[in-house]
Amino acid sequence: MPTRPLGDDDLADEIELYGAVVVAASAKEGELSPQEIDDALGVPGARPEARAPARQRRDEGAGGASRVP
Protein backbone atom coordinates (compact mmCIF):
# COMPACT_ATOMS: atom_id res chain seq x y z
CA MET A 1 0.00 0.00 0.00
CA PRO A 2 1.54 3.35 -0.99
CA THR A 3 2.05 5.88 1.77
CA ARG A 4 1.31 9.57 1.55
CA PRO A 5 3.85 12.22 2.50
CA LEU A 6 3.57 13.51 6.04
CA GLY A 7 2.22 17.04 6.41
CA ASP A 8 3.02 19.56 9.10
CA ASP A 9 0.13 18.41 11.33
CA ASP A 10 1.22 14.78 11.03
CA LEU A 11 4.80 15.64 11.93
CA ALA A 12 3.71 17.82 14.85
CA ASP A 13 1.61 14.93 16.20
CA GLU A 14 4.57 12.55 15.91
CA ILE A 15 6.86 15.00 17.68
CA GLU A 16 4.35 15.52 20.52
CA LEU A 17 3.98 11.76 21.03
CA TYR A 18 7.74 11.22 20.93
CA GLY A 19 8.17 14.07 23.42
CA ALA A 20 5.61 12.50 25.78
CA VAL A 21 7.63 9.27 25.83
CA VAL A 22 10.91 11.15 26.35
CA VAL A 23 9.42 13.06 29.31
CA ALA A 24 8.07 9.84 30.85
CA ALA A 25 11.42 8.10 30.38
CA SER A 26 13.37 10.98 31.88
CA ALA A 27 11.19 10.88 35.00
CA LYS A 28 12.02 7.24 35.69
CA GLU A 29 15.15 5.27 36.40
CA GLY A 30 15.45 2.25 34.14
CA GLU A 31 13.28 1.25 31.23
CA LEU A 32 9.62 2.08 30.74
CA SER A 33 7.22 -0.85 30.84
CA PRO A 34 4.81 -1.31 27.93
CA GLN A 35 2.01 0.00 30.20
CA GLU A 36 4.03 3.13 31.03
CA ILE A 37 4.61 3.76 27.33
CA ASP A 38 0.89 3.32 26.65
CA ASP A 39 0.12 5.74 29.50
CA ALA A 40 2.54 8.34 28.11
CA LEU A 41 1.02 8.06 24.64
CA GLY A 42 -2.57 8.18 25.90
CA VAL A 43 -3.38 4.81 24.33
CA PRO A 44 -7.09 3.95 24.70
CA GLY A 45 -7.54 1.36 27.42
CA ALA A 46 -4.56 2.69 29.38
CA ARG A 47 -5.31 4.01 32.85
CA PRO A 48 -7.42 7.17 32.46
CA GLU A 49 -5.56 9.02 35.24
CA ALA A 50 -2.32 8.63 33.26
CA ARG A 51 -3.58 10.28 30.08
CA ALA A 52 -0.68 11.80 28.15
CA PRO A 53 -0.24 15.54 28.67
CA ALA A 54 0.81 15.90 25.02
CA ARG A 55 -2.46 14.37 23.89
CA GLN A 56 -4.42 16.72 26.15
CA ARG A 57 -2.55 19.74 24.80
CA ARG A 58 -3.22 18.65 21.25
CA ASP A 59 -6.93 18.19 21.93
CA GLU A 60 -7.20 21.56 23.69
CA GLY A 61 -5.20 23.29 20.97
CA ALA A 62 -7.76 22.21 18.37
CA GLY A 63 -10.56 24.15 20.08
CA GLY A 64 -11.47 21.25 22.35
CA ALA A 65 -11.93 18.86 19.47
CA SER A 66 -9.33 16.31 18.51
CA ARG A 67 -7.55 16.88 15.19
CA VAL A 68 -7.43 13.15 14.63
CA PRO A 69 -9.92 12.25 11.84
PDB file of N, CA and C in Angstrom:
ATOM      1  N   MET A   1       0.844  -1.166   0.000  1.00  0.00           N
ATOM      2  CA  MET A   1       0.000   0.000   0.000  1.00  0.00           C
ATOM      3  C   MET A   1       0.896   1.239   0.000  1.00  0.00           C
ATOM      4  N   PRO A   2       0.714   2.143  -0.951  1.00  0.00           N
ATOM      5  CA  PRO A   2       1.535   3.350  -0.987  1.00  0.00           C
ATOM      6  C   PRO A   2       1.222   4.247   0.205  1.00  0.00           C
ATOM      7  N   THR A   3       2.244   4.955   0.656  1.00  0.00           N
ATOM      8  CA  THR A   3       2.054   5.880   1.772  1.00  0.00           C
ATOM      9  C   THR A   3       2.042   7.296   1.241  1.00  0.00           C
ATOM     10  N   ARG A   4       1.348   8.158   1.961  1.00  0.00           N
ATOM     11  CA  ARG A   4       1.311   9.567   1.547  1.00  0.00           C
ATOM     12  C   ARG A   4       2.383  10.326   2.313  1.00  0.00           C
ATOM     13  N   PRO A   5       2.864  11.422   1.769  1.00  0.00           N
ATOM     14  CA  PRO A   5       3.854  12.222   2.498  1.00  0.00           C
ATOM     15  C   PRO A   5       3.237  12.796   3.773  1.00  0.00           C
ATOM     16  N   LEU A   6       4.059  12.933   4.791  1.00  0.00           N
ATOM     17  CA  LEU A   6       3.574  13.513   6.036  1.00  0.00           C
ATOM     18  C   LEU A   6       3.490  15.028   5.896  1.00  0.00           C
ATOM     19  N   GLY A   7       2.383  15.583   6.390  1.00  0.00           N
ATOM     20  CA  GLY A   7       2.222  17.036   6.406  1.00  0.00           C
ATOM     21  C   GLY A   7       2.655  17.594   7.743  1.00  0.00           C
ATOM     22  N   ASP A   8       2.597  18.907   7.864  1.00  0.00           N
ATOM     23  CA  ASP A   8       3.019  19.560   9.101  1.00  0.00           C
ATOM     24  C   ASP A   8       2.244  19.060  10.317  1.00  0.00           C
ATOM     25  N   ASP A   9       0.935  18.888  10.206  1.00  0.00           N
ATOM     26  CA  ASP A   9       0.128  18.405  11.333  1.00  0.00           C
ATOM     27  C   ASP A   9       0.540  16.993  11.738  1.00  0.00           C
ATOM     28  N   ASP A  10       0.790  16.151  10.746  1.00  0.00           N
ATOM     29  CA  ASP A  10       1.222  14.776  11.033  1.00  0.00           C
ATOM     30  C   ASP A  10       2.553  14.773  11.769  1.00  0.00           C
ATOM     31  N   LEU A  11       3.477  15.582  11.295  1.00  0.00           N
ATOM     32  CA  LEU A  11       4.798  15.643  11.925  1.00  0.00           C
ATOM     33  C   LEU A  11       4.707  16.220  13.336  1.00  0.00           C
ATOM     34  N   ALA A  12       3.882  17.229  13.524  1.00  0.00           N
ATOM     35  CA  ALA A  12       3.709  17.822  14.852  1.00  0.00           C
ATOM     36  C   ALA A  12       3.139  16.787  15.816  1.00  0.00           C
ATOM     37  N   ASP A  13       2.188  15.989  15.358  1.00  0.00           N
ATOM     38  CA  ASP A  13       1.612  14.929  16.201  1.00  0.00           C
ATOM     39  C   ASP A  13       2.680  13.915  16.592  1.00  0.00           C
ATOM     40  N   GLU A  14       3.505  13.515  15.632  1.00  0.00           N
ATOM     41  CA  GLU A  14       4.570  12.548  15.912  1.00  0.00           C
ATOM     42  C   GLU A  14       5.569  13.108  16.927  1.00  0.00           C
ATOM     43  N   ILE A  15       5.916  14.370  16.761  1.00  0.00           N
ATOM     44  CA  ILE A  15       6.865  15.003  17.680  1.00  0.00           C
ATOM     45  C   ILE A  15       6.281  15.088  19.083  1.00  0.00           C
ATOM     46  N   GLU A  16       4.998  15.447  19.208  1.00  0.00           N
ATOM     47  CA  GLU A  16       4.349  15.518  20.523  1.00  0.00           C
ATOM     48  C   GLU A  16       4.329  14.150  21.207  1.00  0.00           C
ATOM     49  N   LEU A  17       4.011  13.105  20.450  1.00  0.00           N
ATOM     50  CA  LEU A  17       3.975  11.764  21.027  1.00  0.00           C
ATOM     51  C   LEU A  17       5.374  11.320  21.452  1.00  0.00           C
ATOM     52  N   TYR A  18       6.360  11.569  20.597  1.00  0.00           N
ATOM     53  CA  TYR A  18       7.744  11.223  20.932  1.00  0.00           C
ATOM     54  C   TYR A  18       8.177  11.972  22.189  1.00  0.00           C
ATOM     55  N   GLY A  19       7.832  13.261  22.254  1.00  0.00           N
ATOM     56  CA  GLY A  19       8.166  14.067  23.417  1.00  0.00           C
ATOM     57  C   GLY A  19       7.533  13.533  24.693  1.00  0.00           C
ATOM     58  N   ALA A  20       6.291  13.059  24.616  1.00  0.00           N
ATOM     59  CA  ALA A  20       5.614  12.503  25.785  1.00  0.00           C
ATOM     60  C   ALA A  20       6.353  11.277  26.315  1.00  0.00           C
ATOM     61  N   VAL A  21       6.874  10.458  25.408  1.00  0.00           N
ATOM     62  CA  VAL A  21       7.629   9.270  25.827  1.00  0.00           C
ATOM     63  C   VAL A  21       8.972   9.688  26.425  1.00  0.00           C
ATOM     64  N   VAL A  22       9.623  10.672  25.832  1.00  0.00           N
ATOM     65  CA  VAL A  22      10.908  11.151  26.354  1.00  0.00           C
ATOM     66  C   VAL A  22      10.727  11.708  27.764  1.00  0.00           C
ATOM     67  N   VAL A  23       9.684  12.491  27.987  1.00  0.00           N
ATOM     68  CA  VAL A  23       9.424  13.058  29.313  1.00  0.00           C
ATOM     69  C   VAL A  23       9.166  11.948  30.321  1.00  0.00           C
ATOM     70  N   ALA A  24       8.351  10.959  29.945  1.00  0.00           N
ATOM     71  CA  ALA A  24       8.070   9.837  30.848  1.00  0.00           C
ATOM     72  C   ALA A  24       9.347   9.067  31.165  1.00  0.00           C
ATOM     73  N   ALA A  25      10.181   8.850  30.164  1.00  0.00           N
ATOM     74  CA  ALA A  25      11.422   8.100  30.376  1.00  0.00           C
ATOM     75  C   ALA A  25      12.401   8.873  31.251  1.00  0.00           C
ATOM     76  N   SER A  26      12.431  10.193  31.095  1.00  0.00           N
ATOM     77  CA  SER A  26      13.370  10.981  31.881  1.00  0.00           C
ATOM     78  C   SER A  26      12.952  11.079  33.346  1.00  0.00           C
ATOM     79  N   ALA A  27      11.691  10.812  33.626  1.00  0.00           N
ATOM     80  CA  ALA A  27      11.188  10.884  35.000  1.00  0.00           C
ATOM     81  C   ALA A  27      11.349   9.565  35.745  1.00  0.00           C
ATOM     82  N   LYS A  28      11.912   8.563  35.093  1.00  0.00           N
ATOM     83  CA  LYS A  28      12.022   7.236  35.691  1.00  0.00           C
ATOM     84  C   LYS A  28      13.428   6.692  35.526  1.00  0.00           C
ATOM     85  N   GLU A  29      13.888   6.001  36.549  1.00  0.00           N
ATOM     86  CA  GLU A  29      15.153   5.274  36.399  1.00  0.00           C
ATOM     87  C   GLU A  29      14.850   3.936  35.748  1.00  0.00           C
ATOM     88  N   GLY A  30      15.666   3.524  34.827  1.00  0.00           N
ATOM     89  CA  GLY A  30      15.453   2.251  34.144  1.00  0.00           C
ATOM     90  C   GLY A  30      14.529   2.408  32.948  1.00  0.00           C
ATOM     91  N   GLU A  31      14.115   1.269  32.434  1.00  0.00           N
ATOM     92  CA  GLU A  31      13.283   1.252  31.232  1.00  0.00           C
ATOM     93  C   GLU A  31      11.817   1.441  31.571  1.00  0.00           C
ATOM     94  N   LEU A  32      11.068   1.984  30.595  1.00  0.00           N
ATOM     95  CA  LEU A  32       9.619   2.075  30.743  1.00  0.00           C
ATOM     96  C   LEU A  32       8.988   0.725  30.407  1.00  0.00           C
ATOM     97  N   SER A  33       7.973   0.367  31.153  1.00  0.00           N
ATOM     98  CA  SER A  33       7.222  -0.846  30.839  1.00  0.00           C
ATOM     99  C   SER A  33       6.286  -0.541  29.669  1.00  0.00           C
ATOM    100  N   PRO A  34       5.786  -1.566  28.999  1.00  0.00           N
ATOM    101  CA  PRO A  34       4.808  -1.309  27.933  1.00  0.00           C
ATOM    102  C   PRO A  34       3.604  -0.502  28.433  1.00  0.00           C
ATOM    103  N   GLN A  35       3.145  -0.753  29.657  1.00  0.00           N
ATOM    104  CA  GLN A  35       2.012   0.001  30.204  1.00  0.00           C
ATOM    105  C   GLN A  35       2.374   1.470  30.395  1.00  0.00           C
ATOM    106  N   GLU A  36       3.594   1.740  30.843  1.00  0.00           N
ATOM    107  CA  GLU A  36       4.031   3.129  31.030  1.00  0.00           C
ATOM    108  C   GLU A  36       4.143   3.861  29.697  1.00  0.00           C
ATOM    109  N   ILE A  37       4.558   3.163  28.667  1.00  0.00           N
ATOM    110  CA  ILE A  37       4.612   3.763  27.335  1.00  0.00           C
ATOM    111  C   ILE A  37       3.200   4.063  26.849  1.00  0.00           C
ATOM    112  N   ASP A  38       2.289   3.105  27.026  1.00  0.00           N
ATOM    113  CA  ASP A  38       0.891   3.325  26.653  1.00  0.00           C
ATOM    114  C   ASP A  38       0.314   4.518  27.399  1.00  0.00           C
ATOM    115  N   ASP A  39       0.604   4.612  28.696  1.00  0.00           N
ATOM    116  CA  ASP A  39       0.122   5.738  29.501  1.00  0.00           C
ATOM    117  C   ASP A  39       0.647   7.058  28.948  1.00  0.00           C
ATOM    118  N   ALA A  40       1.931   7.112  28.621  1.00  0.00           N
ATOM    119  CA  ALA A  40       2.543   8.336  28.108  1.00  0.00           C
ATOM    120  C   ALA A  40       1.939   8.751  26.775  1.00  0.00           C
ATOM    121  N   LEU A  41       1.577   7.779  25.964  1.00  0.00           N
ATOM    122  CA  LEU A  41       1.019   8.058  24.644  1.00  0.00           C
ATOM    123  C   LEU A  41      -0.478   8.285  24.666  1.00  0.00           C
ATOM    124  N   GLY A  42      -1.123   8.015  25.822  1.00  0.00           N
ATOM    125  CA  GLY A  42      -2.573   8.177  25.895  1.00  0.00           C
ATOM    126  C   GLY A  42      -3.325   7.115  25.118  1.00  0.00           C
ATOM    127  N   VAL A  43      -2.773   5.911  25.068  1.00  0.00           N
ATOM    128  CA  VAL A  43      -3.384   4.806  24.332  1.00  0.00           C
ATOM    129  C   VAL A  43      -4.736   4.464  24.959  1.00  0.00           C
ATOM    130  N   PRO A  44      -5.788   4.350  24.154  1.00  0.00           N
ATOM    131  CA  PRO A  44      -7.087   3.953  24.700  1.00  0.00           C
ATOM    132  C   PRO A  44      -6.967   2.627  25.452  1.00  0.00           C
ATOM    133  N   GLY A  45      -7.616   2.567  26.603  1.00  0.00           N
ATOM    134  CA  GLY A  45      -7.538   1.360  27.416  1.00  0.00           C
ATOM    135  C   GLY A  45      -6.473   1.463  28.488  1.00  0.00           C
ATOM    136  N   ALA A  46      -5.546   2.440  28.327  1.00  0.00           N
ATOM    137  CA  ALA A  46      -4.565   2.690  29.377  1.00  0.00           C
ATOM    138  C   ALA A  46      -5.297   3.377  30.517  1.00  0.00           C
ATOM    139  N   ARG A  47      -4.671   3.391  31.677  1.00  0.00           N
ATOM    140  CA  ARG A  47      -5.310   4.005  32.847  1.00  0.00           C
ATOM    141  C   ARG A  47      -5.702   5.444  32.541  1.00  0.00           C
ATOM    142  N   PRO A  48      -6.972   5.808  32.779  1.00  0.00           N
ATOM    143  CA  PRO A  48      -7.421   7.169  32.460  1.00  0.00           C
ATOM    144  C   PRO A  48      -6.665   8.254  33.220  1.00  0.00           C
ATOM    145  N   GLU A  49      -6.259   7.998  34.457  1.00  0.00           N
ATOM    146  CA  GLU A  49      -5.563   9.022  35.237  1.00  0.00           C
ATOM    147  C   GLU A  49      -4.166   9.295  34.703  1.00  0.00           C
ATOM    148  N   ALA A  50      -3.667   8.459  33.802  1.00  0.00           N
ATOM    149  CA  ALA A  50      -2.317   8.629  33.260  1.00  0.00           C
ATOM    150  C   ALA A  50      -2.358   9.136  31.826  1.00  0.00           C
ATOM    151  N   ARG A  51      -3.442   9.786  31.443  1.00  0.00           N
ATOM    152  CA  ARG A  51      -3.577  10.283  30.078  1.00  0.00           C
ATOM    153  C   ARG A  51      -2.417  11.197  29.738  1.00  0.00           C
ATOM    154  N   ALA A  52      -1.881  11.059  28.562  1.00  0.00           N
ATOM    155  CA  ALA A  52      -0.681  11.795  28.154  1.00  0.00           C
ATOM    156  C   ALA A  52      -0.934  13.292  28.090  1.00  0.00           C
ATOM    157  N   PRO A  53      -0.095  14.085  28.760  1.00  0.00           N
ATOM    158  CA  PRO A  53      -0.239  15.539  28.673  1.00  0.00           C
ATOM    159  C   PRO A  53      -0.151  16.047  27.234  1.00  0.00           C
ATOM    160  N   ALA A  54       0.690  15.453  26.414  1.00  0.00           N
ATOM    161  CA  ALA A  54       0.813  15.896  25.021  1.00  0.00           C
ATOM    162  C   ALA A  54      -0.501  15.713  24.289  1.00  0.00           C
ATOM    163  N   ARG A  55      -1.181  14.613  24.537  1.00  0.00           N
ATOM    164  CA  ARG A  55      -2.464  14.367  23.886  1.00  0.00           C
ATOM    165  C   ARG A  55      -3.493  15.390  24.349  1.00  0.00           C
ATOM    166  N   GLN A  56      -3.489  15.721  25.628  1.00  0.00           N
ATOM    167  CA  GLN A  56      -4.424  16.717  26.149  1.00  0.00           C
ATOM    168  C   GLN A  56      -4.155  18.076  25.515  1.00  0.00           C
ATOM    169  N   ARG A  57      -2.890  18.456  25.414  1.00  0.00           N
ATOM    170  CA  ARG A  57      -2.555  19.741  24.804  1.00  0.00           C
ATOM    171  C   ARG A  57      -3.002  19.778  23.353  1.00  0.00           C
ATOM    172  N   ARG A  58      -2.822  18.693  22.648  1.00  0.00           N
ATOM    173  CA  ARG A  58      -3.219  18.655  21.246  1.00  0.00           C
ATOM    174  C   ARG A  58      -4.722  18.808  21.127  1.00  0.00           C
ATOM    175  N   ASP A  59      -5.475  18.099  21.966  1.00  0.00           N
ATOM    176  CA  ASP A  59      -6.933  18.192  21.929  1.00  0.00           C
ATOM    177  C   ASP A  59      -7.392  19.608  22.258  1.00  0.00           C
ATOM    178  N   GLU A  60      -6.818  20.214  23.288  1.00  0.00           N
ATOM    179  CA  GLU A  60      -7.203  21.562  23.694  1.00  0.00           C
ATOM    180  C   GLU A  60      -6.799  22.581  22.641  1.00  0.00           C
ATOM    181  N   GLY A  61      -5.669  22.360  21.989  1.00  0.00           N
ATOM    182  CA  GLY A  61      -5.199  23.286  20.965  1.00  0.00           C
ATOM    183  C   GLY A  61      -6.059  23.294  19.722  1.00  0.00           C
ATOM    184  N   ALA A  62      -6.882  22.283  19.542  1.00  0.00           N
ATOM    185  CA  ALA A  62      -7.760  22.207  18.372  1.00  0.00           C
ATOM    186  C   ALA A  62      -9.166  22.695  18.729  1.00  0.00           C
ATOM    187  N   GLY A  63      -9.262  23.617  19.692  1.00  0.00           N
ATOM    188  CA  GLY A  63     -10.560  24.149  20.075  1.00  0.00           C
ATOM    189  C   GLY A  63     -11.392  23.158  20.848  1.00  0.00           C
ATOM    190  N   GLY A  64     -10.750  22.232  21.558  1.00  0.00           N
ATOM    191  CA  GLY A  64     -11.469  21.254  22.351  1.00  0.00           C
ATOM    192  C   GLY A  64     -11.801  19.999  21.580  1.00  0.00           C
ATOM    193  N   ALA A  65     -11.620  20.030  20.290  1.00  0.00           N
ATOM    194  CA  ALA A  65     -11.928  18.861  19.474  1.00  0.00           C
ATOM    195  C   ALA A  65     -10.621  18.271  18.984  1.00  0.00           C
ATOM    196  N   SER A  66     -10.546  16.979  18.962  1.00  0.00           N
ATOM    197  CA  SER A  66      -9.335  16.308  18.507  1.00  0.00           C
ATOM    198  C   SER A  66      -9.127  16.546  17.021  1.00  0.00           C
ATOM    199  N   ARG A  67      -7.856  16.717  16.611  1.00  0.00           N
ATOM    200  CA  ARG A  67      -7.550  16.884  15.191  1.00  0.00           C
ATOM    201  C   ARG A  67      -7.444  15.543  14.499  1.00  0.00           C
ATOM    202  N   VAL A  68      -7.525  14.476  15.226  1.00  0.00           N
ATOM    203  CA  VAL A  68      -7.430  13.150  14.626  1.00  0.00           C
ATOM    204  C   VAL A  68      -8.719  12.872  13.894  1.00  0.00           C
ATOM    205  N   PRO A  69      -8.686  12.492  12.603  1.00  0.00           N
ATOM    206  CA  PRO A  69      -9.915  12.255  11.843  1.00  0.00           C
ATOM    207  C   PRO A  69     -10.713  11.099  12.371  1.00  0.00           C
TER     208      PRO A  69
END
